[in-house]
Amino acid sequence: MFASLGRALASFFDPALWGMIVKALLLTIVLFVVIVVGIEYLLHFLPTLGAPWVNRAIEVLAPILTVLGLLAAGGPVAAMFASLYLDRVADAIENRTYPGAPKAKGMSLSTSLGANVRLAGAVILVDLLLLPAEALAPGAGEIVTIIANGFLLGREYFELAALRHLEREAADALRKRNAGRIFAVGLIVSALSYVPFADIIAPLFGAAMMVHLYQRIQREPAK
């Protein structure tokens, strides 16, 4: 797991990958800006609500709450955009780091995007279900959420890496045999998703880690 972490960090400083990483980040930031500007524009059409100060308070608070909400949703949104570049990022990593590995058959855009939409929905649902626990038991609730998201993120990101090479049945069997290491990587990505701004790069970082982990597992002697 630590070897995969180190190689993923090295990949992020590879000039060959920076173009795709920057594009994914820019798409996420552009979406955030469009949403904030759109809400600001719509507020101009808001009728007077009882007293002028009410409207003024809404105008001040709405952008702040929107930005906070977007930061909280940064991970799932970034994951959806990262799916557009995941295959190319994985190809670049495998071509440069594992030139002798079998060539991946790749995934269709619909498969990749569908998997990430499913992942984003699952993470949001888990976060909503565990929100009362976070409110009633600060600290412990966040830990439970990170663990739950770590399981989901590890499972989905490993599948995205493995399905480039294997059929689903083989990918599922490989994931089950290496559940502990996959969960550990998922925990790292889940923890990063709780850090503002780091949550934007967490999907691509998680994908890079899983590509390295998959390749490492494939090189290990069969048990």
C-alpha atoms as a PDB file:
ATOM      1  CA  MET A   1       0.000   0.000   0.000  1.00  0.00           C
ATOM      2  CA  PHE A   2       2.794   2.445   0.887  1.00  0.00           C
ATOM      3  CA  ALA A   3       4.582   1.589  -2.369  1.00  0.00           C
ATOM      4  CA  SER A   4       1.415   2.461  -4.297  1.00  0.00           C
ATOM      5  CA  LEU A   5       1.110   5.704  -2.324  1.00  0.00           C
ATOM      6  CA  GLY A   6       4.686   6.710  -3.128  1.00  0.00           C
ATOM      7  CA  ARG A   7       4.311   5.926  -6.818  1.00  0.00           C
ATOM      8  CA  ALA A   8       1.012   7.836  -7.009  1.00  0.00           C
ATOM      9  CA  LEU A   9       2.743  10.882  -5.500  1.00  0.00           C
ATOM     10  CA  ALA A  10       5.529  10.570  -8.065  1.00  0.00           C
ATOM     11  CA  SER A  11       2.961  10.314 -10.867  1.00  0.00           C
ATOM     12  CA  PHE A  12       1.415  13.627  -9.837  1.00  0.00           C
ATOM     13  CA  PHE A  13       4.749  15.338 -10.522  1.00  0.00           C
ATOM     14  CA  ASP A  14       5.091  13.705 -13.941  1.00  0.00           C
ATOM     15  CA  PRO A  15       4.808  16.407 -16.648  1.00  0.00           C
ATOM     16  CA  ALA A  16       3.112  13.877 -18.943  1.00  0.00           C
ATOM     17  CA  LEU A  17       0.135  13.712 -16.573  1.00  0.00           C
ATOM     18  CA  TRP A  18      -0.149  17.359 -15.607  1.00  0.00           C
ATOM     19  CA  GLY A  19      -2.161  18.365 -18.668  1.00  0.00           C
ATOM     20  CA  MET A  20      -4.942  15.897 -17.882  1.00  0.00           C
ATOM     21  CA  ILE A  21      -4.866  16.638 -14.158  1.00  0.00           C
ATOM     22  CA  VAL A  22      -5.122  20.387 -14.756  1.00  0.00           C
ATOM     23  CA  LYS A  23      -8.005  19.920 -17.219  1.00  0.00           C
ATOM     24  CA  ALA A  24      -9.986  17.867 -14.698  1.00  0.00           C
ATOM     25  CA  LEU A  25      -9.353  20.436 -11.954  1.00  0.00           C
ATOM     26  CA  LEU A  26     -10.268  23.359 -14.208  1.00  0.00           C
ATOM     27  CA  LEU A  27     -13.552  21.720 -15.212  1.00  0.00           C
ATOM     28  CA  THR A  28     -14.455  21.315 -11.548  1.00  0.00           C
ATOM     29  CA  ILE A  29     -13.525  24.917 -10.689  1.00  0.00           C
ATOM     30  CA  VAL A  30     -15.433  26.275 -13.714  1.00  0.00           C
ATOM     31  CA  LEU A  31     -18.544  24.391 -12.596  1.00  0.00           C
ATOM     32  CA  PHE A  32     -18.244  25.863  -9.096  1.00  0.00           C
ATOM     33  CA  VAL A  33     -17.860  29.410 -10.487  1.00  0.00           C
ATOM     34  CA  VAL A  34     -20.825  28.994 -12.847  1.00  0.00           C
ATOM     35  CA  ILE A  35     -23.041  27.820  -9.978  1.00  0.00           C
ATOM     36  CA  VAL A  36     -22.036  30.730  -7.694  1.00  0.00           C
ATOM     37  CA  VAL A  37     -22.495  33.325 -10.476  1.00  0.00           C
ATOM     38  CA  GLY A  38     -25.827  31.751 -11.455  1.00  0.00           C
ATOM     39  CA  ILE A  39     -27.139  31.971  -7.896  1.00  0.00           C
ATOM     40  CA  GLU A  40     -25.987  35.591  -7.646  1.00  0.00           C
ATOM     41  CA  TYR A  41     -27.829  36.364 -10.882  1.00  0.00           C
ATOM     42  CA  LEU A  42     -31.047  34.659  -9.757  1.00  0.00           C
ATOM     43  CA  LEU A  43     -31.024  36.599  -6.480  1.00  0.00           C
ATOM     44  CA  HIS A  44     -31.639  39.823  -8.462  1.00  0.00           C
ATOM     45  CA  PHE A  45     -35.097  38.473  -9.352  1.00  0.00           C
ATOM     46  CA  LEU A  46     -35.989  37.658  -5.728  1.00  0.00           C
ATOM     47  CA  PRO A  47     -39.049  39.682  -4.598  1.00  0.00           C
ATOM     48  CA  THR A  48     -38.940  41.668  -1.376  1.00  0.00           C
ATOM     49  CA  LEU A  49     -39.528  39.277   1.519  1.00  0.00           C
ATOM     50  CA  GLY A  50     -41.184  41.228   4.321  1.00  0.00           C
ATOM     51  CA  ALA A  51     -38.422  43.751   4.852  1.00  0.00           C
ATOM     52  CA  PRO A  52     -35.393  44.881   2.815  1.00  0.00           C
ATOM     53  CA  TRP A  53     -32.971  43.506   5.414  1.00  0.00           C
ATOM     54  CA  VAL A  54     -34.281  39.971   4.800  1.00  0.00           C
ATOM     55  CA  ASN A  55     -33.336  40.180   1.134  1.00  0.00           C
ATOM     56  CA  ARG A  56     -30.001  41.714   2.020  1.00  0.00           C
ATOM     57  CA  ALA A  57     -29.247  38.886   4.446  1.00  0.00           C
ATOM     58  CA  ILE A  58     -30.114  36.319   1.765  1.00  0.00           C
ATOM     59  CA  GLU A  59     -27.871  38.077  -0.764  1.00  0.00           C
ATOM     60  CA  VAL A  60     -24.953  37.970   1.684  1.00  0.00           C
ATOM     61  CA  LEU A  61     -25.487  34.442   3.016  1.00  0.00           C
ATOM     62  CA  ALA A  62     -26.453  32.649  -0.207  1.00  0.00           C
ATOM     63  CA  PRO A  63     -23.009  32.855  -1.886  1.00  0.00           C
ATOM     64  CA  ILE A  64     -21.256  31.867   1.353  1.00  0.00           C
ATOM     65  CA  LEU A  65     -23.514  28.848   1.890  1.00  0.00           C
ATOM     66  CA  THR A  66     -23.181  27.904  -1.782  1.00  0.00           C
ATOM     67  CA  VAL A  67     -19.386  27.928  -1.603  1.00  0.00           C
ATOM     68  CA  LEU A  68     -19.452  25.865   1.608  1.00  0.00           C
ATOM     69  CA  GLY A  69     -21.830  23.385   0.010  1.00  0.00           C
ATOM     70  CA  LEU A  70     -19.660  23.092  -3.090  1.00  0.00           C
ATOM     71  CA  LEU A  71     -16.573  22.500  -0.984  1.00  0.00           C
ATOM     72  CA  ALA A  72     -18.449  19.731   0.827  1.00  0.00           C
ATOM     73  CA  ALA A  73     -19.492  18.232  -2.521  1.00  0.00           C
ATOM     74  CA  GLY A  74     -16.103  18.765  -4.133  1.00  0.00           C
ATOM     75  CA  GLY A  75     -15.099  15.106  -3.963  1.00  0.00           C
ATOM     76  CA  PRO A  76     -18.126  13.591  -5.745  1.00  0.00           C
ATOM     77  CA  VAL A  77     -18.207  16.375  -8.350  1.00  0.00           C
ATOM     78  CA  ALA A  78     -14.481  16.045  -9.026  1.00  0.00           C
ATOM     79  CA  ALA A  79     -14.881  12.275  -9.312  1.00  0.00           C
ATOM     80  CA  MET A  80     -17.395  12.728 -12.125  1.00  0.00           C
ATOM     81  CA  PHE A  81     -15.061  15.019 -14.050  1.00  0.00           C
ATOM     82  CA  ALA A  82     -12.048  12.824 -13.302  1.00  0.00           C
ATOM     83  CA  SER A  83     -13.845   9.949 -15.017  1.00  0.00           C
ATOM     84  CA  LEU A  84     -13.443  11.804 -18.328  1.00  0.00           C
ATOM     85  CA  TYR A  85      -9.654  11.521 -18.012  1.00  0.00           C
ATOM     86  CA  LEU A  86      -9.249   8.349 -15.945  1.00  0.00           C
ATOM     87  CA  ASP A  87      -8.454   6.039 -18.863  1.00  0.00           C
ATOM     88  CA  ARG A  88      -5.840   8.435 -20.253  1.00  0.00           C
ATOM     89  CA  VAL A  89      -4.264   8.974 -16.825  1.00  0.00           C
ATOM     90  CA  ALA A  90      -4.127   5.201 -16.250  1.00  0.00           C
ATOM     91  CA  ASP A  91      -2.665   4.655 -19.737  1.00  0.00           C
ATOM     92  CA  ALA A  92       0.026   7.280 -19.137  1.00  0.00           C
ATOM     93  CA  ILE A  93       0.979   5.734 -15.777  1.00  0.00           C
ATOM     94  CA  GLU A  94       1.086   2.185 -17.135  1.00  0.00           C
ATOM     95  CA  ASN A  95       3.013   3.128 -20.294  1.00  0.00           C
ATOM     96  CA  ARG A  96       5.695   5.010 -18.350  1.00  0.00           C
ATOM     97  CA  THR A  97       5.939   2.861 -15.220  1.00  0.00           C
ATOM     98  CA  TYR A  98       4.942  -0.599 -16.477  1.00  0.00           C
ATOM     99  CA  PRO A  99       6.009  -0.708 -20.145  1.00  0.00           C
ATOM    100  CA  GLY A 100       6.124  -4.511 -20.151  1.00  0.00           C
ATOM    101  CA  ALA A 101       2.609  -4.987 -18.752  1.00  0.00           C
ATOM    102  CA  PRO A 102      -0.187  -6.309 -20.982  1.00  0.00           C
ATOM    103  CA  LYS A 103      -1.950  -3.486 -22.806  1.00  0.00           C
ATOM    104  CA  ALA A 104      -5.271  -2.529 -21.252  1.00  0.00           C
ATOM    105  CA  LYS A 105      -8.395  -2.939 -23.335  1.00  0.00           C
ATOM    106  CA  GLY A 106      -9.733   0.214 -21.654  1.00  0.00           C
ATOM    107  CA  MET A 107     -13.267   1.150 -20.647  1.00  0.00           C
ATOM    108  CA  SER A 108     -15.991   2.860 -22.593  1.00  0.00           C
ATOM    109  CA  LEU A 109     -16.862   6.410 -21.540  1.00  0.00           C
ATOM    110  CA  SER A 110     -20.344   5.266 -20.532  1.00  0.00           C
ATOM    111  CA  THR A 111     -18.920   2.554 -18.251  1.00  0.00           C
ATOM    112  CA  SER A 112     -16.425   4.927 -16.645  1.00  0.00           C
ATOM    113  CA  LEU A 113     -18.880   7.798 -16.215  1.00  0.00           C
ATOM    114  CA  GLY A 114     -21.627   5.475 -14.989  1.00  0.00           C
ATOM    115  CA  ALA A 115     -19.309   4.004 -12.355  1.00  0.00           C
ATOM    116  CA  ASN A 116     -18.349   7.456 -11.100  1.00  0.00           C
ATOM    117  CA  VAL A 117     -21.949   8.687 -11.028  1.00  0.00           C
ATOM    118  CA  ARG A 118     -22.795   5.586  -8.988  1.00  0.00           C
ATOM    119  CA  LEU A 119     -19.845   6.277  -6.713  1.00  0.00           C
ATOM    120  CA  ALA A 120     -20.765   9.959  -6.231  1.00  0.00           C
ATOM    121  CA  GLY A 121     -24.374   9.015  -5.449  1.00  0.00           C
ATOM    122  CA  ALA A 122     -23.306   6.351  -2.951  1.00  0.00           C
ATOM    123  CA  VAL A 123     -20.914   8.727  -1.156  1.00  0.00           C
ATOM    124  CA  ILE A 124     -23.550  11.480  -0.950  1.00  0.00           C
ATOM    125  CA  LEU A 125     -26.163   9.001   0.321  1.00  0.00           C
ATOM    126  CA  VAL A 126     -23.809   7.621   2.990  1.00  0.00           C
ATOM    127  CA  ASP A 127     -22.873  11.159   4.068  1.00  0.00           C
ATOM    128  CA  LEU A 128     -26.550  12.102   4.407  1.00  0.00           C
ATOM    129  CA  LEU A 129     -27.401   8.940   6.345  1.00  0.00           C
ATOM    130  CA  LEU A 130     -24.489   9.477   8.735  1.00  0.00           C
ATOM    131  CA  LEU A 131     -25.094  13.215   9.146  1.00  0.00           C
ATOM    132  CA  PRO A 132     -27.102  12.711  12.380  1.00  0.00           C
ATOM    133  CA  ALA A 133     -24.199  10.686  13.827  1.00  0.00           C
ATOM    134  CA  GLU A 134     -21.764  13.496  12.967  1.00  0.00           C
ATOM    135  CA  ALA A 135     -24.072  16.038  14.643  1.00  0.00           C
ATOM    136  CA  LEU A 136     -24.708  13.942  17.775  1.00  0.00           C
ATOM    137  CA  ALA A 137     -21.164  12.622  18.184  1.00  0.00           C
ATOM    138  CA  PRO A 138     -18.659  15.080  16.679  1.00  0.00           C
ATOM    139  CA  GLY A 139     -15.367  13.401  15.963  1.00  0.00           C
ATOM    140  CA  ALA A 140     -16.634   9.832  16.266  1.00  0.00           C
ATOM    141  CA  GLY A 141     -19.278  10.506  13.617  1.00  0.00           C
ATOM    142  CA  GLU A 142     -16.684  11.854  11.194  1.00  0.00           C
ATOM    143  CA  ILE A 143     -14.490   8.793  11.757  1.00  0.00           C
ATOM    144  CA  VAL A 144     -17.400   6.463  10.979  1.00  0.00           C
ATOM    145  CA  THR A 145     -18.143   8.457   7.803  1.00  0.00           C
ATOM    146  CA  ILE A 146     -14.519   8.322   6.662  1.00  0.00           C
ATOM    147  CA  ILE A 147     -14.457   4.541   7.231  1.00  0.00           C
ATOM    148  CA  ALA A 148     -17.728   4.015   5.337  1.00  0.00           C
ATOM    149  CA  ASN A 149     -16.586   6.194   2.452  1.00  0.00           C
ATOM    150  CA  GLY A 150     -13.203   4.460   2.497  1.00  0.00           C
ATOM    151  CA  PHE A 151     -14.926   1.144   1.820  1.00  0.00           C
ATOM    152  CA  LEU A 152     -16.947   2.611  -1.060  1.00  0.00           C
ATOM    153  CA  LEU A 153     -14.046   4.537  -2.588  1.00  0.00           C
ATOM    154  CA  GLY A 154     -11.643   1.620  -2.360  1.00  0.00           C
ATOM    155  CA  ARG A 155     -14.121  -0.743  -3.997  1.00  0.00           C
ATOM    156  CA  GLU A 156     -15.074   1.572  -6.842  1.00  0.00           C
ATOM    157  CA  TYR A 157     -11.610   2.916  -7.663  1.00  0.00           C
ATOM    158  CA  PHE A 158     -10.113  -0.560  -7.723  1.00  0.00           C
ATOM    159  CA  GLU A 159     -12.864  -1.702 -10.067  1.00  0.00           C
ATOM    160  CA  LEU A 160     -12.146   1.247 -12.356  1.00  0.00           C
ATOM    161  CA  ALA A 161      -8.468   0.222 -12.493  1.00  0.00           C
ATOM    162  CA  ALA A 162      -9.118  -3.522 -12.837  1.00  0.00           C
ATOM    163  CA  LEU A 163     -11.939  -3.321 -15.394  1.00  0.00           C
ATOM    164  CA  ARG A 164      -9.508  -1.769 -17.865  1.00  0.00           C
ATOM    165  CA  HIS A 165      -7.826  -5.192 -18.052  1.00  0.00           C
ATOM    166  CA  LEU A 166     -10.294  -7.781 -16.748  1.00  0.00           C
ATOM    167  CA  GLU A 167     -13.891  -8.845 -17.114  1.00  0.00           C
ATOM    168  CA  ARG A 168     -16.121  -7.951 -14.177  1.00  0.00           C
ATOM    169  CA  GLU A 169     -16.153 -11.455 -12.665  1.00  0.00           C
ATOM    170  CA  ALA A 170     -12.343 -11.604 -12.607  1.00  0.00           C
ATOM    171  CA  ALA A 171     -12.096  -8.036 -11.288  1.00  0.00           C
ATOM    172  CA  ASP A 172     -14.553  -8.830  -8.481  1.00  0.00           C
ATOM    173  CA  ALA A 173     -12.623 -11.963  -7.503  1.00  0.00           C
ATOM    174  CA  LEU A 174      -9.321 -10.044  -7.457  1.00  0.00           C
ATOM    175  CA  ARG A 175     -10.885  -7.290  -5.325  1.00  0.00           C
ATOM    176  CA  LYS A 176     -12.201  -9.787  -2.771  1.00  0.00           C
ATOM    177  CA  ARG A 177      -8.794 -11.486  -2.448  1.00  0.00           C
ATOM    178  CA  ASN A 178      -7.126  -8.134  -1.735  1.00  0.00           C
ATOM    179  CA  ALA A 179      -9.893  -6.443   0.242  1.00  0.00           C
ATOM    180  CA  GLY A 180      -7.625  -5.248   3.071  1.00  0.00           C
ATOM    181  CA  ARG A 181      -5.145  -3.343   0.914  1.00  0.00           C
ATOM    182  CA  ILE A 182      -7.913  -1.903  -1.251  1.00  0.00           C
ATOM    183  CA  PHE A 183      -9.753  -0.685   1.847  1.00  0.00           C
ATOM    184  CA  ALA A 184      -6.555   0.955   3.153  1.00  0.00           C
ATOM    185  CA  VAL A 185      -6.141   2.912  -0.092  1.00  0.00           C
ATOM    186  CA  GLY A 186      -9.823   3.867   0.043  1.00  0.00           C
ATOM    187  CA  LEU A 187      -9.314   5.256   3.559  1.00  0.00           C
ATOM    188  CA  ILE A 188      -6.534   7.533   2.321  1.00  0.00           C
ATOM    189  CA  VAL A 189      -8.742   8.892  -0.474  1.00  0.00           C
ATOM    190  CA  SER A 190     -11.669   9.264   1.941  1.00  0.00           C
ATOM    191  CA  ALA A 191      -9.547  11.248   4.398  1.00  0.00           C
ATOM    192  CA  LEU A 192      -8.295  13.500   1.580  1.00  0.00           C
ATOM    193  CA  SER A 193     -11.906  14.116   0.555  1.00  0.00           C
ATOM    194  CA  TYR A 194     -12.491  15.766   3.947  1.00  0.00           C
ATOM    195  CA  VAL A 195      -9.764  18.362   3.323  1.00  0.00           C
ATOM    196  CA  PRO A 196     -10.964  21.479   1.439  1.00  0.00           C
ATOM    197  CA  PHE A 197      -9.314  21.837  -1.979  1.00  0.00           C
ATOM    198  CA  ALA A 198      -7.492  18.516  -1.504  1.00  0.00           C
ATOM    199  CA  ASP A 199     -10.867  16.856  -2.132  1.00  0.00           C
ATOM    200  CA  ILE A 200     -10.700  18.151  -5.712  1.00  0.00           C
ATOM    201  CA  ILE A 201      -7.539  16.168  -6.507  1.00  0.00           C
ATOM    202  CA  ALA A 202      -8.501  13.150  -4.382  1.00  0.00           C
ATOM    203  CA  PRO A 203     -10.287  11.250  -7.222  1.00  0.00           C
ATOM    204  CA  LEU A 204      -7.329  11.419  -9.614  1.00  0.00           C
ATOM    205  CA  PHE A 205      -4.913  10.625  -6.796  1.00  0.00           C
ATOM    206  CA  GLY A 206      -7.041   7.656  -5.748  1.00  0.00           C
ATOM    207  CA  ALA A 207      -7.196   6.435  -9.339  1.00  0.00           C
ATOM    208  CA  ALA A 208      -3.399   6.675  -9.642  1.00  0.00           C
ATOM    209  CA  MET A 209      -2.913   4.726  -6.402  1.00  0.00           C
ATOM    210  CA  MET A 210      -5.265   1.995  -7.574  1.00  0.00           C
ATOM    211  CA  VAL A 211      -3.505   1.657 -10.925  1.00  0.00           C
ATOM    212  CA  HIS A 212      -0.220   1.070  -9.073  1.00  0.00           C
ATOM    213  CA  LEU A 213      -1.880  -1.303  -6.595  1.00  0.00           C
ATOM    214  CA  TYR A 214      -3.495  -3.301  -9.393  1.00  0.00           C
ATOM    215  CA  GLN A 215      -0.177  -3.647 -11.224  1.00  0.00           C
ATOM    216  CA  ARG A 216       1.570  -4.658  -7.993  1.00  0.00           C
ATOM    217  CA  ILE A 217      -1.039  -7.332  -7.266  1.00  0.00           C
ATOM    218  CA  GLN A 218      -0.737  -8.721 -10.795  1.00  0.00           C
ATOM    219  CA  ARG A 219       3.028  -9.110 -10.326  1.00  0.00           C
ATOM    220  CA  GLU A 220       2.735 -11.037  -7.070  1.00  0.00           C
ATOM    221  CA  PRO A 221       3.014 -14.846  -7.110  1.00  0.00           C
ATOM    222  CA  ALA A 222      -0.344 -16.562  -7.315  1.00  0.00           C
ATOM    223  CA  LYS A 223      -1.525 -17.807  -3.944  1.00  0.00           C
END
